[in-house]
């Protein structure tokens, strides 16, 4: 587990389970233009970004510290040390954020 972002959690993930912490709190949010959107506004299915905190021994595609895309409607929440986390299976993740291209890179993804 990533020691630089979290203290060691008193939990060990099993099998293909992934524990993530959501990047954005539930409720109001702002659009790209700065318009405040209330939590009660009806929107289409919207995926959310989260940071991986812990993974089980059978997880192969993500590791602690990765940013992943998931469906916030299809989740199981757990509270550890007063912080809310989302527990899911690896197969329920939709994407992993790629690292940014460094300044000295050619920009080629070979």
N, C-alpha and C. Protein backbone atom coordinates (compact mmCIF):
# COMPACT_ATOMS: atom_id res chain seq x y z
N UNK A 1 0.83 -1.18 0.00
CA UNK A 1 0.00 0.00 0.00
C UNK A 1 0.87 1.23 0.00
N UNK A 2 0.38 2.29 -0.58
CA UNK A 2 1.14 3.51 -0.72
C UNK A 2 1.27 4.22 0.62
N UNK A 3 2.45 4.22 1.19
CA UNK A 3 2.67 4.82 2.51
C UNK A 3 2.69 6.35 2.46
N UNK A 4 2.98 6.93 1.29
CA UNK A 4 3.07 8.38 1.21
C UNK A 4 1.72 9.07 1.18
N UNK A 5 0.64 8.36 0.84
CA UNK A 5 -0.66 9.00 0.80
C UNK A 5 -1.59 8.55 1.91
N UNK A 6 -1.33 7.38 2.51
CA UNK A 6 -2.23 6.87 3.53
C UNK A 6 -1.41 6.16 4.60
N UNK A 7 -1.90 6.24 5.83
CA UNK A 7 -1.34 5.39 6.87
C UNK A 7 -1.80 3.97 6.56
N UNK A 8 -1.11 2.99 7.08
CA UNK A 8 -1.48 1.61 6.83
C UNK A 8 -2.87 1.36 7.40
N UNK A 9 -3.78 0.91 6.54
CA UNK A 9 -5.14 0.65 6.96
C UNK A 9 -5.22 -0.69 7.68
N UNK A 10 -6.12 -0.81 8.65
CA UNK A 10 -6.27 -2.06 9.38
C UNK A 10 -7.16 -3.04 8.62
N UNK A 11 -6.93 -3.15 7.32
CA UNK A 11 -7.76 -4.00 6.48
C UNK A 11 -6.89 -4.58 5.38
N UNK A 12 -7.13 -5.84 5.04
CA UNK A 12 -6.39 -6.51 3.97
C UNK A 12 -7.42 -7.00 2.96
N UNK A 13 -7.29 -6.59 1.73
CA UNK A 13 -8.24 -6.96 0.70
C UNK A 13 -8.00 -8.40 0.26
N UNK A 14 -9.07 -9.09 -0.10
CA UNK A 14 -8.99 -10.48 -0.52
C UNK A 14 -9.33 -10.62 -2.00
N UNK A 15 -8.80 -11.65 -2.61
CA UNK A 15 -9.11 -12.07 -3.97
C UNK A 15 -8.98 -10.94 -4.99
N UNK A 16 -10.08 -10.61 -5.69
CA UNK A 16 -10.04 -9.59 -6.75
C UNK A 16 -10.68 -8.28 -6.30
N UNK A 17 -10.70 -8.04 -5.01
CA UNK A 17 -11.35 -6.83 -4.48
C UNK A 17 -10.41 -5.63 -4.53
N UNK A 18 -11.00 -4.46 -4.75
CA UNK A 18 -10.27 -3.19 -4.82
C UNK A 18 -10.96 -2.20 -3.89
N UNK A 19 -10.20 -1.51 -3.07
CA UNK A 19 -10.72 -0.48 -2.17
C UNK A 19 -10.27 0.87 -2.71
N UNK A 20 -11.24 1.77 -2.96
CA UNK A 20 -10.91 3.07 -3.53
C UNK A 20 -11.51 4.18 -2.68
N UNK A 21 -10.92 5.37 -2.81
CA UNK A 21 -11.43 6.57 -2.16
C UNK A 21 -11.82 7.54 -3.26
N UNK A 22 -13.06 7.98 -3.25
CA UNK A 22 -13.59 8.85 -4.29
C UNK A 22 -12.88 10.20 -4.30
N UNK A 23 -12.62 10.71 -5.51
CA UNK A 23 -11.96 12.00 -5.67
C UNK A 23 -12.88 13.17 -5.31
N UNK A 24 -14.17 13.02 -5.60
CA UNK A 24 -15.10 14.11 -5.37
C UNK A 24 -16.18 13.69 -4.39
N UNK A 25 -16.54 14.56 -3.46
CA UNK A 25 -17.60 14.23 -2.51
C UNK A 25 -18.96 14.22 -3.22
N UNK A 26 -19.90 13.50 -2.62
CA UNK A 26 -21.26 13.48 -3.14
C UNK A 26 -21.89 14.86 -2.97
N UNK A 27 -22.84 15.17 -3.82
CA UNK A 27 -23.55 16.43 -3.65
C UNK A 27 -23.33 17.38 -4.81
N UNK A 28 -23.28 18.67 -4.51
CA UNK A 28 -23.16 19.68 -5.54
C UNK A 28 -21.83 19.56 -6.28
N UNK A 29 -21.84 19.98 -7.53
CA UNK A 29 -20.61 20.02 -8.32
C UNK A 29 -20.71 21.20 -9.28
N UNK A 30 -19.60 21.56 -9.88
CA UNK A 30 -19.57 22.67 -10.82
C UNK A 30 -19.30 22.16 -12.22
N UNK A 31 -19.94 22.78 -13.18
CA UNK A 31 -19.71 22.43 -14.58
C UNK A 31 -18.39 23.06 -15.03
N UNK A 32 -17.94 22.71 -16.23
CA UNK A 32 -16.72 23.28 -16.77
C UNK A 32 -16.79 24.80 -16.88
N UNK A 33 -17.98 25.35 -17.07
CA UNK A 33 -18.18 26.79 -17.18
C UNK A 33 -18.38 27.47 -15.84
N UNK A 34 -18.35 26.71 -14.74
CA UNK A 34 -18.49 27.30 -13.41
C UNK A 34 -19.90 27.33 -12.87
N UNK A 35 -20.86 26.73 -13.57
CA UNK A 35 -22.24 26.72 -13.10
C UNK A 35 -22.39 25.68 -12.01
N UNK A 36 -23.02 26.04 -10.90
CA UNK A 36 -23.26 25.14 -9.78
C UNK A 36 -24.42 24.21 -10.12
N UNK A 37 -24.17 22.89 -10.04
CA UNK A 37 -25.20 21.89 -10.33
C UNK A 37 -25.58 21.24 -9.01
N UNK A 38 -26.85 21.38 -8.57
CA UNK A 38 -27.25 20.80 -7.28
C UNK A 38 -27.25 19.28 -7.32
N UNK A 39 -27.14 18.66 -6.15
CA UNK A 39 -27.10 17.20 -6.04
C UNK A 39 -28.40 16.56 -6.51
N UNK A 40 -29.50 17.31 -6.47
CA UNK A 40 -30.81 16.76 -6.85
C UNK A 40 -31.08 16.84 -8.34
N UNK A 41 -30.18 17.45 -9.11
CA UNK A 41 -30.38 17.58 -10.56
C UNK A 41 -30.31 16.21 -11.22
N UNK A 42 -31.25 15.96 -12.12
CA UNK A 42 -31.26 14.69 -12.85
C UNK A 42 -30.24 14.75 -13.98
N UNK A 43 -29.35 13.79 -13.99
CA UNK A 43 -28.36 13.69 -15.06
C UNK A 43 -28.31 12.25 -15.53
N UNK A 44 -27.73 12.05 -16.69
CA UNK A 44 -27.56 10.69 -17.19
C UNK A 44 -26.56 9.94 -16.33
N UNK A 45 -26.35 8.71 -16.69
CA UNK A 45 -25.40 7.89 -15.93
C UNK A 45 -24.03 8.53 -16.00
N UNK A 46 -23.45 8.84 -14.85
CA UNK A 46 -22.18 9.54 -14.78
C UNK A 46 -21.18 8.71 -14.00
N UNK A 47 -20.02 8.45 -14.59
CA UNK A 47 -18.96 7.69 -13.92
C UNK A 47 -18.13 8.65 -13.08
N UNK A 48 -17.40 8.12 -12.11
CA UNK A 48 -16.61 8.94 -11.19
C UNK A 48 -15.18 8.42 -11.10
N UNK A 49 -14.25 9.32 -10.75
CA UNK A 49 -12.84 8.96 -10.56
C UNK A 49 -12.58 8.70 -9.09
N UNK A 50 -11.68 7.79 -8.82
CA UNK A 50 -11.29 7.47 -7.45
C UNK A 50 -9.84 7.03 -7.42
N UNK A 51 -9.23 7.08 -6.24
CA UNK A 51 -7.85 6.63 -6.06
C UNK A 51 -7.85 5.25 -5.41
N UNK A 52 -7.09 4.32 -5.97
CA UNK A 52 -6.98 2.99 -5.40
C UNK A 52 -6.18 3.07 -4.11
N UNK A 53 -6.72 2.50 -3.04
CA UNK A 53 -6.08 2.53 -1.73
C UNK A 53 -5.47 1.17 -1.39
N UNK A 54 -6.19 0.10 -1.72
CA UNK A 54 -5.71 -1.26 -1.42
C UNK A 54 -6.27 -2.23 -2.45
N UNK A 55 -5.53 -3.31 -2.70
CA UNK A 55 -5.96 -4.32 -3.66
C UNK A 55 -5.75 -5.72 -3.08
N UNK A 56 -6.56 -6.67 -3.55
CA UNK A 56 -6.40 -8.06 -3.15
C UNK A 56 -5.28 -8.72 -3.93
N UNK A 57 -4.90 -9.93 -3.50
CA UNK A 57 -3.76 -10.60 -4.11
C UNK A 57 -4.00 -11.05 -5.54
N UNK A 58 -5.25 -11.14 -6.00
CA UNK A 58 -5.53 -11.56 -7.38
C UNK A 58 -5.77 -10.41 -8.34
N UNK A 59 -5.63 -9.18 -7.88
CA UNK A 59 -5.81 -8.01 -8.75
C UNK A 59 -4.56 -7.85 -9.60
N UNK A 60 -4.76 -7.74 -10.94
CA UNK A 60 -3.61 -7.70 -11.84
C UNK A 60 -3.41 -6.38 -12.57
N UNK A 61 -4.46 -5.57 -12.72
CA UNK A 61 -4.34 -4.40 -13.59
C UNK A 61 -4.17 -3.07 -12.88
N UNK A 62 -4.44 -3.01 -11.59
CA UNK A 62 -4.28 -1.75 -10.87
C UNK A 62 -3.46 -1.98 -9.61
N UNK A 63 -2.91 -0.89 -9.08
CA UNK A 63 -2.15 -0.95 -7.84
C UNK A 63 -2.46 0.30 -7.02
N UNK A 64 -2.18 0.28 -5.73
CA UNK A 64 -2.45 1.45 -4.90
C UNK A 64 -1.81 2.71 -5.48
N UNK A 65 -2.58 3.79 -5.48
CA UNK A 65 -2.10 5.05 -6.03
C UNK A 65 -2.66 5.34 -7.42
N UNK A 66 -3.14 4.32 -8.14
CA UNK A 66 -3.74 4.53 -9.47
C UNK A 66 -5.06 5.26 -9.35
N UNK A 67 -5.40 6.02 -10.38
CA UNK A 67 -6.72 6.66 -10.46
C UNK A 67 -7.56 5.83 -11.41
N UNK A 68 -8.77 5.45 -10.97
CA UNK A 68 -9.63 4.58 -11.75
C UNK A 68 -11.01 5.21 -11.94
N UNK A 69 -11.68 4.77 -12.99
CA UNK A 69 -13.02 5.23 -13.31
C UNK A 69 -14.00 4.12 -12.95
N UNK A 70 -15.06 4.46 -12.21
CA UNK A 70 -16.04 3.46 -11.79
C UNK A 70 -17.44 4.06 -11.80
N UNK A 71 -18.45 3.20 -11.68
CA UNK A 71 -19.84 3.63 -11.65
C UNK A 71 -20.26 3.83 -10.19
N UNK A 72 -20.50 5.06 -9.76
CA UNK A 72 -20.84 5.30 -8.35
C UNK A 72 -22.19 4.73 -7.93
N UNK A 73 -23.06 4.38 -8.89
CA UNK A 73 -24.35 3.79 -8.53
C UNK A 73 -24.21 2.31 -8.20
N UNK A 74 -23.14 1.68 -8.64
CA UNK A 74 -22.93 0.25 -8.47
C UNK A 74 -21.77 0.03 -7.51
N UNK A 75 -21.99 0.30 -6.22
CA UNK A 75 -20.88 0.27 -5.27
C UNK A 75 -21.33 -0.19 -3.89
N UNK A 76 -20.36 -0.62 -3.10
CA UNK A 76 -20.57 -0.95 -1.70
C UNK A 76 -19.63 -0.07 -0.90
N UNK A 77 -20.17 0.70 0.02
CA UNK A 77 -19.35 1.62 0.81
C UNK A 77 -18.98 0.99 2.15
N UNK A 78 -17.80 1.39 2.64
CA UNK A 78 -17.34 0.97 3.96
C UNK A 78 -16.61 2.15 4.58
N UNK A 79 -16.73 2.29 5.89
CA UNK A 79 -16.05 3.38 6.59
C UNK A 79 -14.93 2.78 7.44
N UNK A 80 -13.71 3.28 7.23
CA UNK A 80 -12.55 2.83 7.99
C UNK A 80 -11.88 4.07 8.58
N UNK A 81 -11.77 4.08 9.91
CA UNK A 81 -11.18 5.23 10.62
C UNK A 81 -11.85 6.55 10.24
N UNK A 82 -13.15 6.53 10.08
CA UNK A 82 -13.90 7.74 9.81
C UNK A 82 -13.86 8.22 8.36
N UNK A 83 -13.23 7.47 7.48
CA UNK A 83 -13.15 7.85 6.07
C UNK A 83 -13.95 6.85 5.25
N UNK A 84 -14.80 7.36 4.34
CA UNK A 84 -15.64 6.50 3.50
C UNK A 84 -14.84 6.00 2.30
N UNK A 85 -14.88 4.70 2.07
CA UNK A 85 -14.24 4.07 0.93
C UNK A 85 -15.28 3.29 0.15
N UNK A 86 -14.95 2.96 -1.09
CA UNK A 86 -15.82 2.15 -1.93
C UNK A 86 -15.12 0.83 -2.18
N UNK A 87 -15.83 -0.26 -1.98
CA UNK A 87 -15.30 -1.61 -2.19
C UNK A 87 -15.93 -2.18 -3.46
N UNK A 88 -15.09 -2.70 -4.35
CA UNK A 88 -15.61 -3.27 -5.60
C UNK A 88 -14.69 -4.36 -6.10
N UNK A 89 -15.14 -5.06 -7.11
CA UNK A 89 -14.31 -6.07 -7.77
C UNK A 89 -13.52 -5.39 -8.88
N UNK A 90 -12.39 -5.97 -9.20
CA UNK A 90 -11.55 -5.40 -10.26
C UNK A 90 -12.31 -5.29 -11.57
N UNK A 91 -13.16 -6.26 -11.88
CA UNK A 91 -13.90 -6.25 -13.15
C UNK A 91 -14.93 -5.11 -13.23
N UNK A 92 -15.27 -4.48 -12.09
CA UNK A 92 -16.21 -3.37 -12.09
C UNK A 92 -15.56 -2.02 -12.40
N UNK A 93 -14.25 -2.00 -12.53
CA UNK A 93 -13.55 -0.77 -12.91
C UNK A 93 -13.65 -0.59 -14.42
N UNK A 94 -13.86 0.64 -14.86
CA UNK A 94 -14.02 0.91 -16.29
C UNK A 94 -12.74 1.34 -16.97
N UNK A 95 -11.85 2.03 -16.25
CA UNK A 95 -10.61 2.53 -16.86
C UNK A 95 -9.61 2.89 -15.77
N UNK A 96 -8.35 2.95 -16.18
CA UNK A 96 -7.27 3.41 -15.31
C UNK A 96 -6.66 4.62 -16.00
N UNK A 97 -6.47 5.71 -15.25
CA UNK A 97 -5.90 6.93 -15.82
C UNK A 97 -4.44 6.68 -16.19
N UNK A 98 -4.06 7.12 -17.38
CA UNK A 98 -2.66 6.97 -17.79
C UNK A 98 -1.84 8.11 -17.21
N UNK A 99 -0.55 7.87 -17.06
CA UNK A 99 0.33 8.92 -16.56
C UNK A 99 0.50 9.98 -17.63
N UNK A 100 0.75 11.19 -17.21
CA UNK A 100 0.95 12.28 -18.16
C UNK A 100 2.29 12.12 -18.85
N UNK A 101 2.36 12.59 -20.08
CA UNK A 101 3.60 12.53 -20.84
C UNK A 101 4.56 13.55 -20.24
N UNK A 102 5.78 13.15 -19.97
CA UNK A 102 6.75 14.07 -19.37
C UNK A 102 7.23 15.08 -20.40
N UNK A 103 7.81 16.17 -19.92
CA UNK A 103 8.26 17.26 -20.78
C UNK A 103 9.33 16.82 -21.77
N UNK A 104 10.22 15.91 -21.36
CA UNK A 104 11.31 15.49 -22.24
C UNK A 104 10.94 14.32 -23.13
N UNK A 105 9.69 13.89 -23.08
CA UNK A 105 9.25 12.76 -23.88
C UNK A 105 8.96 13.20 -25.32
N UNK A 106 9.03 12.26 -26.23
CA UNK A 106 8.74 12.54 -27.63
C UNK A 106 7.25 12.60 -27.90
N UNK A 107 6.45 12.09 -26.95
CA UNK A 107 5.01 12.08 -27.14
C UNK A 107 4.54 10.80 -27.82
N UNK A 108 5.44 9.93 -28.17
CA UNK A 108 5.07 8.67 -28.81
C UNK A 108 4.73 7.64 -27.74
N UNK A 109 3.73 6.84 -28.00
CA UNK A 109 3.30 5.83 -27.04
C UNK A 109 3.64 4.45 -27.56
N UNK A 110 4.89 4.21 -27.85
CA UNK A 110 5.33 2.94 -28.39
C UNK A 110 5.90 2.07 -27.32
